[in-house]
Structure formats: structure tokens, C-alpha cells
Amino acid sequence: MEELIKLEAGQESNCVGVEVSDDNLDLYETDFYQWTQVQAKLLSQGQWTALDIENLVEEIESLGKQQKQELRNRLGVLIGHLLKWEYQPELRGKSWKATIWEQREQVLDILQDNPSLKPYLEEAVQKGFRQGLSLVLRETPLDFDVLPKECPYTIAQVLDPQFPTGMGL
């Protein structure tokens, strides 16, 4: 028995018989989850002409951008906490240490899962530094003029679980 999927409320069709129509393409705008399920089924059944190619391309590109953004965001939090650790030694504590450790682990996981992002790492660190600087300015009494204008950490330092001194868990 062929598996059925709902294309719209009350309408059922098997993917083998799905025809390209405005109704199918409208799913992208009206019910994104259902659209993804229809597209996955069409792909798995090799129904190439029924696919919503334009929106599939957009979504696949978006997935790649999300990975880059996730890397930048994690680096931003990590670098921000490294800066707080360096510029407010009297406030160092378990919470900052845990955040540094957790963000570093998340960055390493992203890079392990997406090795093609490694060439982007230098740029991501620079962008992450700007995000980290913003975090420090929001969360501390430190002024912009006492903070570095460029990232003071190398990629190796950012990823090193023993950096900075006293971080050994």
C-alpha cells in the first residue's frame, strides 16, 4: 500500500501521482512543515519534475548559512567570556569557566560536523570577536576604550581547552 501524504487540508495524494501545481508550491508559504514532508517524499521517490526546485535551493542555501551563523554566534559568546575572564579577573568564577568550556565544545562540534567550515574559521573568529565585544559592553561596566580593537586571541588559543591559564576543568 502506498503511503499517503496530505497536500492541503482534506486533500490526499500519493507522491507518485503528485503533479506540479500552484497548490503544491503554495504549501511553501502556507504550511512549511507539510511542504518539507512533500519535498522529502518526492526526493525519495525520484519525482524530480514535481519538486519545488526554487524553494528547495533557497532552503538548502539557508541551511549552510545557518551553520556559519551558529559558528559565529558560539565564537561570539566564547570570545566575550574570554575577554571578561581577562579584563575582570576579580570576578572569575565557575559560571564563566563553564560557559567558556561549553561554547568551546559547541564550536568544536560544529567544526567536526562541518569540516568545510574550517577555512572560514579566521573570518568567523573576527566576526565572533565583534559579537563578543558587544557582549562585554552589555554585561560589564568595562568601557570600549579599555578593550582591544582587534581580537587578541589566535584560533589555537580560542580552541585550546587549557586557555586561558586557570581554565583546566
N, C-alpha and C. Protein backbone atom coordinates (compact mmCIF):
# COMPACT_ATOMS: atom_id res chain seq x y z
N MET A 1 0.84 -1.17 0.00
CA MET A 1 0.00 0.00 0.00
C MET A 1 0.89 1.25 0.00
N GLU A 2 0.66 2.14 -0.91
CA GLU A 2 1.48 3.35 -0.99
C GLU A 2 1.11 4.30 0.14
N GLU A 3 2.17 4.92 0.72
CA GLU A 3 1.95 5.87 1.80
C GLU A 3 1.33 7.15 1.25
N LEU A 4 0.37 7.67 1.98
CA LEU A 4 -0.31 8.89 1.55
C LEU A 4 0.19 10.06 2.35
N ILE A 5 0.23 11.23 1.73
CA ILE A 5 0.55 12.47 2.44
C ILE A 5 -0.49 13.51 2.10
N LYS A 6 -0.80 14.32 3.05
CA LYS A 6 -1.77 15.38 2.83
C LYS A 6 -1.08 16.56 2.17
N LEU A 7 -1.65 17.03 1.08
CA LEU A 7 -1.10 18.20 0.41
C LEU A 7 -1.75 19.47 0.93
N GLU A 8 -3.02 19.41 1.19
CA GLU A 8 -3.77 20.51 1.76
C GLU A 8 -4.83 19.89 2.65
N ALA A 9 -5.46 20.71 3.47
CA ALA A 9 -6.49 20.19 4.37
C ALA A 9 -7.53 19.42 3.57
N GLY A 10 -7.72 18.16 3.94
CA GLY A 10 -8.74 17.36 3.31
C GLY A 10 -8.34 16.74 1.99
N GLN A 11 -7.20 17.07 1.43
CA GLN A 11 -6.79 16.52 0.14
C GLN A 11 -5.64 15.56 0.36
N GLU A 12 -5.73 14.36 -0.19
CA GLU A 12 -4.67 13.38 -0.07
C GLU A 12 -4.22 12.94 -1.45
N SER A 13 -2.93 12.66 -1.53
CA SER A 13 -2.39 12.17 -2.79
C SER A 13 -1.14 11.39 -2.48
N ASN A 14 -0.83 10.37 -3.26
CA ASN A 14 0.46 9.72 -3.07
C ASN A 14 1.47 10.51 -3.88
N CYS A 15 2.71 10.50 -3.47
CA CYS A 15 3.72 11.33 -4.12
C CYS A 15 4.00 10.89 -5.53
N VAL A 16 3.76 9.65 -5.83
CA VAL A 16 3.99 9.20 -7.20
C VAL A 16 3.08 9.97 -8.14
N GLY A 17 1.87 10.29 -7.67
CA GLY A 17 0.92 10.97 -8.52
C GLY A 17 0.88 12.48 -8.33
N VAL A 18 1.77 13.04 -7.51
CA VAL A 18 1.75 14.48 -7.28
C VAL A 18 2.16 15.19 -8.55
N GLU A 19 1.37 16.12 -8.95
CA GLU A 19 1.70 16.93 -10.12
C GLU A 19 2.14 18.29 -9.65
N VAL A 20 3.00 18.93 -10.43
CA VAL A 20 3.42 20.28 -10.10
C VAL A 20 2.23 21.19 -10.33
N SER A 21 1.85 21.90 -9.30
CA SER A 21 0.74 22.84 -9.43
C SER A 21 0.96 23.98 -8.47
N ASP A 22 0.21 25.05 -8.67
CA ASP A 22 0.31 26.18 -7.76
C ASP A 22 -0.06 25.77 -6.34
N ASP A 23 -1.02 24.81 -6.21
CA ASP A 23 -1.42 24.36 -4.88
C ASP A 23 -0.23 23.74 -4.14
N ASN A 24 0.55 22.90 -4.83
CA ASN A 24 1.70 22.26 -4.20
C ASN A 24 2.77 23.29 -3.86
N LEU A 25 3.00 24.24 -4.74
CA LEU A 25 4.01 25.26 -4.50
C LEU A 25 3.57 26.22 -3.41
N ASP A 26 2.27 26.44 -3.28
CA ASP A 26 1.75 27.32 -2.23
C ASP A 26 1.99 26.76 -0.84
N LEU A 27 2.17 25.45 -0.72
CA LEU A 27 2.46 24.85 0.58
C LEU A 27 3.66 25.52 1.24
N TYR A 28 4.62 25.90 0.44
CA TYR A 28 5.82 26.54 0.98
C TYR A 28 5.44 27.77 1.79
N GLU A 29 4.46 28.51 1.34
CA GLU A 29 4.02 29.73 2.02
C GLU A 29 2.98 29.45 3.10
N THR A 30 2.17 28.43 2.92
CA THR A 30 1.04 28.23 3.83
C THR A 30 1.27 27.19 4.91
N ASP A 31 2.13 26.20 4.65
CA ASP A 31 2.40 25.14 5.64
C ASP A 31 3.79 24.59 5.37
N PHE A 32 4.79 25.28 5.91
CA PHE A 32 6.18 24.96 5.62
C PHE A 32 6.51 23.51 6.00
N TYR A 33 6.05 23.08 7.17
CA TYR A 33 6.36 21.71 7.59
C TYR A 33 5.81 20.71 6.58
N GLN A 34 4.58 20.89 6.18
CA GLN A 34 3.99 19.97 5.20
C GLN A 34 4.76 20.03 3.89
N TRP A 35 5.17 21.22 3.50
CA TRP A 35 5.97 21.38 2.28
C TRP A 35 7.24 20.54 2.37
N THR A 36 7.92 20.59 3.54
CA THR A 36 9.16 19.81 3.70
C THR A 36 8.89 18.32 3.57
N GLN A 37 7.76 17.86 4.12
CA GLN A 37 7.43 16.45 4.06
C GLN A 37 7.13 16.01 2.62
N VAL A 38 6.42 16.84 1.90
CA VAL A 38 6.12 16.54 0.49
C VAL A 38 7.41 16.50 -0.32
N GLN A 39 8.28 17.49 -0.11
CA GLN A 39 9.53 17.55 -0.88
C GLN A 39 10.41 16.34 -0.56
N ALA A 40 10.49 15.95 0.71
CA ALA A 40 11.29 14.78 1.09
C ALA A 40 10.75 13.51 0.42
N LYS A 41 9.46 13.37 0.41
CA LYS A 41 8.85 12.20 -0.20
C LYS A 41 9.11 12.20 -1.71
N LEU A 42 8.95 13.35 -2.35
CA LEU A 42 9.21 13.45 -3.79
C LEU A 42 10.67 13.11 -4.10
N LEU A 43 11.58 13.60 -3.29
CA LEU A 43 13.00 13.29 -3.48
C LEU A 43 13.26 11.80 -3.32
N SER A 44 12.70 11.22 -2.26
CA SER A 44 12.97 9.80 -2.02
C SER A 44 12.38 8.91 -3.11
N GLN A 45 11.36 9.39 -3.78
CA GLN A 45 10.74 8.61 -4.84
C GLN A 45 11.24 9.01 -6.23
N GLY A 46 12.19 9.94 -6.28
CA GLY A 46 12.75 10.34 -7.57
C GLY A 46 11.80 11.10 -8.46
N GLN A 47 10.86 11.79 -7.88
CA GLN A 47 9.87 12.57 -8.65
C GLN A 47 10.42 13.98 -8.90
N TRP A 48 11.47 14.05 -9.69
CA TRP A 48 12.23 15.29 -9.89
C TRP A 48 11.38 16.42 -10.47
N THR A 49 10.49 16.11 -11.39
CA THR A 49 9.72 17.18 -12.04
C THR A 49 8.65 17.76 -11.13
N ALA A 50 8.30 17.06 -10.06
CA ALA A 50 7.29 17.56 -9.14
C ALA A 50 7.89 18.40 -8.01
N LEU A 51 9.21 18.44 -7.93
CA LEU A 51 9.87 19.18 -6.85
C LEU A 51 9.72 20.68 -7.02
N ASP A 52 9.69 21.36 -5.90
CA ASP A 52 9.68 22.83 -5.85
C ASP A 52 11.15 23.28 -5.81
N ILE A 53 11.80 23.23 -6.97
CA ILE A 53 13.25 23.44 -7.06
C ILE A 53 13.68 24.81 -6.51
N GLU A 54 12.98 25.85 -6.89
CA GLU A 54 13.38 27.20 -6.48
C GLU A 54 13.43 27.32 -4.95
N ASN A 55 12.40 26.84 -4.28
CA ASN A 55 12.39 26.93 -2.82
C ASN A 55 13.32 25.92 -2.17
N LEU A 56 13.51 24.76 -2.78
CA LEU A 56 14.48 23.80 -2.27
C LEU A 56 15.89 24.38 -2.28
N VAL A 57 16.26 25.03 -3.36
CA VAL A 57 17.58 25.66 -3.46
C VAL A 57 17.73 26.71 -2.37
N GLU A 58 16.72 27.53 -2.20
CA GLU A 58 16.76 28.57 -1.17
C GLU A 58 16.94 27.97 0.22
N GLU A 59 16.22 26.91 0.51
CA GLU A 59 16.31 26.29 1.83
C GLU A 59 17.65 25.60 2.07
N ILE A 60 18.18 24.97 1.06
CA ILE A 60 19.49 24.31 1.20
C ILE A 60 20.58 25.36 1.43
N GLU A 61 20.53 26.45 0.68
CA GLU A 61 21.50 27.53 0.90
C GLU A 61 21.35 28.10 2.30
N SER A 62 20.12 28.23 2.75
CA SER A 62 19.86 28.75 4.09
C SER A 62 20.43 27.85 5.17
N LEU A 63 20.37 26.54 4.97
CA LEU A 63 20.95 25.61 5.94
C LEU A 63 22.45 25.83 6.11
N GLY A 64 23.14 26.05 4.99
CA GLY A 64 24.57 26.33 5.07
C GLY A 64 24.86 27.62 5.79
N LYS A 65 24.05 28.64 5.52
CA LYS A 65 24.23 29.93 6.19
C LYS A 65 23.98 29.80 7.69
N GLN A 66 23.02 28.96 8.06
CA GLN A 66 22.73 28.75 9.48
C GLN A 66 23.92 28.15 10.20
N GLN A 67 24.64 27.24 9.55
CA GLN A 67 25.81 26.63 10.18
C GLN A 67 26.90 27.68 10.41
N LYS A 68 27.09 28.54 9.41
CA LYS A 68 28.08 29.62 9.57
C LYS A 68 27.66 30.57 10.70
N GLN A 69 26.39 30.91 10.74
CA GLN A 69 25.89 31.81 11.77
C GLN A 69 26.03 31.18 13.16
N GLU A 70 25.72 29.90 13.26
CA GLU A 70 25.86 29.21 14.54
C GLU A 70 27.32 29.22 15.02
N LEU A 71 28.24 29.01 14.09
CA LEU A 71 29.66 29.05 14.43
C LEU A 71 30.04 30.45 14.93
N ARG A 72 29.63 31.48 14.22
CA ARG A 72 29.93 32.87 14.63
C ARG A 72 29.33 33.18 16.00
N ASN A 73 28.08 32.78 16.20
CA ASN A 73 27.42 33.07 17.48
C ASN A 73 28.12 32.39 18.65
N ARG A 74 28.47 31.13 18.46
CA ARG A 74 29.17 30.40 19.53
C ARG A 74 30.53 31.05 19.81
N LEU A 75 31.23 31.43 18.75
CA LEU A 75 32.52 32.10 18.93
C LEU A 75 32.34 33.44 19.63
N GLY A 76 31.26 34.14 19.33
CA GLY A 76 30.99 35.42 19.99
C GLY A 76 30.83 35.28 21.49
N VAL A 77 30.06 34.30 21.91
CA VAL A 77 29.87 34.07 23.34
C VAL A 77 31.19 33.62 23.97
N LEU A 78 31.89 32.73 23.30
CA LEU A 78 33.17 32.24 23.80
C LEU A 78 34.18 33.37 23.96
N ILE A 79 34.37 34.15 22.91
CA ILE A 79 35.35 35.24 22.96
C ILE A 79 34.92 36.31 23.96
N GLY A 80 33.63 36.58 24.03
CA GLY A 80 33.14 37.54 25.02
C GLY A 80 33.51 37.10 26.43
N HIS A 81 33.36 35.83 26.73
CA HIS A 81 33.70 35.33 28.06
C HIS A 81 35.21 35.26 28.28
N LEU A 82 35.96 35.01 27.21
CA LEU A 82 37.42 35.08 27.35
C LEU A 82 37.85 36.51 27.69
N LEU A 83 37.22 37.47 27.07
CA LEU A 83 37.53 38.88 27.37
C LEU A 83 37.13 39.22 28.80
N LYS A 84 35.97 38.80 29.24
CA LYS A 84 35.55 39.06 30.62
C LYS A 84 36.54 38.40 31.59
N TRP A 85 36.97 37.19 31.28
CA TRP A 85 37.93 36.46 32.12
C TRP A 85 39.24 37.26 32.23
N GLU A 86 39.68 37.80 31.09
CA GLU A 86 40.94 38.54 31.08
C GLU A 86 40.82 39.91 31.72
N TYR A 87 39.74 40.63 31.47
CA TYR A 87 39.64 42.01 31.90
C TYR A 87 38.93 42.20 33.24
N GLN A 88 38.37 41.15 33.79
CA GLN A 88 37.76 41.23 35.11
C GLN A 88 38.17 40.02 35.95
N PRO A 89 39.49 39.88 36.21
CA PRO A 89 39.97 38.69 36.92
C PRO A 89 39.35 38.52 38.31
N GLU A 90 38.97 39.62 38.93
CA GLU A 90 38.39 39.54 40.28
C GLU A 90 36.99 38.91 40.27
N LEU A 91 36.36 38.82 39.09
CA LEU A 91 35.02 38.26 39.00
C LEU A 91 34.98 36.85 38.40
N ARG A 92 36.15 36.29 38.14
CA ARG A 92 36.20 34.95 37.56
C ARG A 92 35.48 33.96 38.47
N GLY A 93 34.72 33.11 37.85
CA GLY A 93 34.00 32.13 38.64
C GLY A 93 33.63 30.91 37.82
N LYS A 94 32.95 30.01 38.48
CA LYS A 94 32.56 28.74 37.89
C LYS A 94 31.65 28.96 36.67
N SER A 95 30.77 29.93 36.72
CA SER A 95 29.84 30.18 35.63
C SER A 95 30.58 30.58 34.35
N TRP A 96 31.53 31.49 34.46
CA TRP A 96 32.30 31.91 33.28
C TRP A 96 33.10 30.73 32.74
N LYS A 97 33.71 29.98 33.64
CA LYS A 97 34.50 28.82 33.23
C LYS A 97 33.61 27.81 32.49
N ALA A 98 32.43 27.58 33.02
CA ALA A 98 31.51 26.63 32.39
C ALA A 98 31.05 27.14 31.02
N THR A 99 30.80 28.43 30.91
CA THR A 99 30.38 29.00 29.62
C THR A 99 31.49 28.88 28.60
N ILE A 100 32.70 29.19 28.99
CA ILE A 100 33.85 29.07 28.09
C ILE A 100 33.99 27.63 27.62
N TRP A 101 33.91 26.70 28.56
CA TRP A 101 34.05 25.28 28.22
C TRP A 101 32.93 24.85 27.27
N GLU A 102 31.68 25.19 27.62
CA GLU A 102 30.53 24.76 26.82
C GLU A 102 30.58 25.33 25.41
N GLN A 103 30.88 26.62 25.27
CA GLN A 103 30.92 27.24 23.94
C GLN A 103 32.06 26.67 23.11
N ARG A 104 33.18 26.42 23.75
CA ARG A 104 34.31 25.82 23.04
C ARG A 104 33.93 24.43 22.52
N GLU A 105 33.28 23.65 23.35
CA GLU A 105 32.83 22.32 22.93
C GLU A 105 31.85 22.41 21.76
N GLN A 106 30.95 23.37 21.83
CA GLN A 106 29.97 23.55 20.75
C GLN A 106 30.66 23.96 19.44
N VAL A 107 31.65 24.84 19.53
CA VAL A 107 32.41 25.25 18.34
C VAL A 107 33.12 24.04 17.75
N LEU A 108 33.76 23.26 18.60
CA LEU A 108 34.47 22.07 18.10
C LEU A 108 33.51 21.06 17.48
N ASP A 109 32.32 20.91 18.07
CA ASP A 109 31.31 20.01 17.49
C ASP A 109 30.86 20.51 16.12
N ILE A 110 30.64 21.81 16.00
CA ILE A 110 30.23 22.37 14.70
C ILE A 110 31.30 22.11 13.66
N LEU A 111 32.55 22.32 14.03
CA LEU A 111 33.65 22.10 13.08
C LEU A 111 33.82 20.62 12.74
N GLN A 112 33.59 19.76 13.70
CA GLN A 112 33.67 18.31 13.43
C GLN A 112 32.55 17.88 12.50
N ASP A 113 31.35 18.41 12.73
CA ASP A 113 30.20 18.05 11.90
C ASP A 113 30.23 18.72 10.52
N ASN A 114 30.96 19.82 10.41
CA ASN A 114 31.02 20.61 9.17
C ASN A 114 32.47 20.98 8.86
N PRO A 115 33.32 20.01 8.53
CA PRO A 115 34.74 20.31 8.33
C PRO A 115 35.01 21.35 7.24
N SER A 116 34.08 21.53 6.32
CA SER A 116 34.28 22.53 5.26
C SER A 116 34.19 23.96 5.80
N LEU A 117 33.80 24.13 7.07
CA LEU A 117 33.79 25.47 7.68
C LEU A 117 35.17 25.87 8.20
N LYS A 118 36.12 24.95 8.26
CA LYS A 118 37.44 25.28 8.80
C LYS A 118 38.13 26.43 8.06
N PRO A 119 38.04 26.50 6.73
CA PRO A 119 38.66 27.66 6.06
C PRO A 119 37.99 28.99 6.42
N TYR A 120 36.78 28.95 6.90
CA TYR A 120 36.01 30.14 7.29
C TYR A 120 36.33 30.56 8.72
N LEU A 121 37.08 29.75 9.45
CA LEU A 121 37.29 29.96 10.88
C LEU A 121 37.92 31.31 11.21
N GLU A 122 38.92 31.73 10.46
CA GLU A 122 39.57 33.03 10.73
C GLU A 122 38.56 34.18 10.65
N GLU A 123 37.77 34.18 9.61
CA GLU A 123 36.74 35.22 9.45
C GLU A 123 35.70 35.11 10.56
N ALA A 124 35.31 33.88 10.90
CA ALA A 124 34.31 33.66 11.95
C ALA A 124 34.83 34.16 13.30
N VAL A 125 36.11 33.97 13.58
CA VAL A 125 36.69 34.46 14.83
C VAL A 125 36.64 35.98 14.87
N GLN A 126 36.96 36.63 13.75
CA GLN A 126 36.91 38.10 13.71
C GLN A 126 35.48 38.61 13.92
N LYS A 127 34.52 37.98 13.26
CA LYS A 127 33.13 38.38 13.45
C LYS A 127 32.65 38.03 14.85
N GLY A 128 33.08 36.88 15.35
CA GLY A 128 32.74 36.49 16.71
C GLY A 128 33.33 37.46 17.73
N PHE A 129 34.52 37.97 17.44
CA PHE A 129 35.14 38.95 18.34
C PHE A 129 34.26 40.19 18.47
N ARG A 130 33.73 40.66 17.35
CA ARG A 130 32.86 41.85 17.41
C ARG A 130 31.60 41.55 18.23
N GLN A 131 31.06 40.35 18.07
CA GLN A 131 29.90 39.97 18.88
C GLN A 131 30.28 39.85 20.36
N GLY A 132 31.46 39.28 20.60
CA GLY A 132 31.94 39.14 21.97
C GLY A 132 32.19 40.48 22.63
N LEU A 133 32.70 41.41 21.87
CA LEU A 133 32.93 42.77 22.37
C LEU A 133 31.60 43.40 22.77
N SER A 134 30.61 43.22 21.95
CA SER A 134 29.28 43.74 22.26
C SER A 134 28.74 43.11 23.54
N LEU A 135 28.95 41.81 23.71
CA LEU A 135 28.51 41.12 24.91
C LEU A 135 29.18 41.72 26.15
N VAL A 136 30.48 41.96 26.08
CA VAL A 136 31.22 42.51 27.21
C VAL A 136 30.71 43.91 27.54
N LEU A 137 30.47 44.71 26.53
CA LEU A 137 29.99 46.08 26.77
C LEU A 137 28.59 46.08 27.39
N ARG A 138 27.77 45.10 27.03
CA ARG A 138 26.42 44.99 27.60
C ARG A 138 26.43 44.47 29.03
N GLU A 139 27.31 43.50 29.30
CA GLU A 139 27.23 42.77 30.56
C GLU A 139 28.21 43.22 31.64
N THR A 140 29.08 44.15 31.31
CA THR A 140 30.07 44.57 32.30
C THR A 140 30.13 46.10 32.35
N PRO A 141 30.78 46.63 33.37
CA PRO A 141 30.98 48.09 33.42
C PRO A 141 32.18 48.55 32.58
N LEU A 142 32.83 47.63 31.89
CA LEU A 142 34.01 47.98 31.10
C LEU A 142 33.62 48.91 29.95
N ASP A 143 34.48 49.88 29.68
CA ASP A 143 34.27 50.81 28.59
C ASP A 143 35.01 50.34 27.35
N PHE A 144 34.51 50.76 26.21
CA PHE A 144 35.08 50.37 24.92
C PHE A 144 36.56 50.70 24.84
N ASP A 145 36.97 51.84 25.40
CA ASP A 145 38.36 52.28 25.25
C ASP A 145 39.37 51.42 26.01
N VAL A 146 38.94 50.59 26.95
CA VAL A 146 39.89 49.71 27.66
C VAL A 146 39.97 48.32 27.02
N LEU A 147 39.09 48.06 26.07
CA LEU A 147 39.05 46.75 25.43
C LEU A 147 39.83 46.77 24.12
N PRO A 148 40.31 45.61 23.69
CA PRO A 148 41.09 45.56 22.44
C PRO A 148 40.21 45.89 21.23
N LYS A 149 40.84 46.47 20.23
CA LYS A 149 40.13 46.84 19.00
C LYS A 149 40.11 45.69 18.00
N GLU A 150 41.03 44.75 18.16
CA GLU A 150 41.11 43.55 17.33
C GLU A 150 41.18 42.34 18.26
N CYS A 151 40.78 41.21 17.75
CA CYS A 151 40.78 40.01 18.57
C CYS A 151 42.19 39.70 19.05
N PRO A 152 42.38 39.63 20.36
CA PRO A 152 43.72 39.37 20.89
C PRO A 152 44.09 37.89 20.93
N TYR A 153 43.18 37.03 20.52
CA TYR A 153 43.39 35.60 20.64
C TYR A 153 43.58 34.96 19.26
N THR A 154 44.48 34.00 19.22
CA THR A 154 44.65 33.21 18.00
C THR A 154 43.55 32.14 17.96
N ILE A 155 43.38 31.56 16.80
CA ILE A 155 42.42 30.46 16.69
C ILE A 155 42.82 29.34 17.63
N ALA A 156 44.10 29.05 17.70
CA ALA A 156 44.58 27.97 18.57
C ALA A 156 44.21 28.27 20.03
N GLN A 157 44.36 29.51 20.46
CA GLN A 157 44.01 29.87 21.83
C GLN A 157 42.50 29.74 22.06
N VAL A 158 41.73 30.22 21.12
CA VAL A 158 40.27 30.17 21.26
C VAL A 158 39.80 28.72 21.42
N LEU A 159 40.43 27.80 20.73
CA LEU A 159 40.01 26.40 20.75
C LEU A 159 40.73 25.56 21.81
N ASP A 160 41.74 26.10 22.46
CA ASP A 160 42.55 25.36 23.43
C ASP A 160 41.82 25.23 24.77
N PRO A 161 41.52 24.01 25.21
CA PRO A 161 40.80 23.83 26.48
C PRO A 161 41.59 24.27 27.71
N GLN A 162 42.89 24.48 27.57
CA GLN A 162 43.71 24.93 28.70
C GLN A 162 43.90 26.44 28.71
N PHE A 163 43.33 27.13 27.71
CA PHE A 163 43.45 28.58 27.61
C PHE A 163 42.14 29.21 28.05
N PRO A 164 42.25 30.28 28.80
CA PRO A 164 43.43 30.90 29.40
C PRO A 164 43.88 30.13 30.64
N THR A 165 44.97 30.56 31.19
CA THR A 165 45.51 29.93 32.40
C THR A 165 44.42 29.85 33.45
N GLY A 166 44.35 28.71 34.08
CA GLY A 166 43.35 28.52 35.13
C GLY A 166 42.06 27.91 34.61
N MET A 167 42.02 27.57 33.33
CA MET A 167 40.80 27.02 32.76
C MET A 167 40.71 25.51 32.84
N GLY A 168 41.75 24.85 33.25
CA GLY A 168 41.70 23.39 33.34
C GLY A 168 40.49 22.93 34.13
N LEU A 169 39.69 22.10 33.53
CA LEU A 169 38.47 21.62 34.22
C LEU A 169 38.70 20.26 34.82
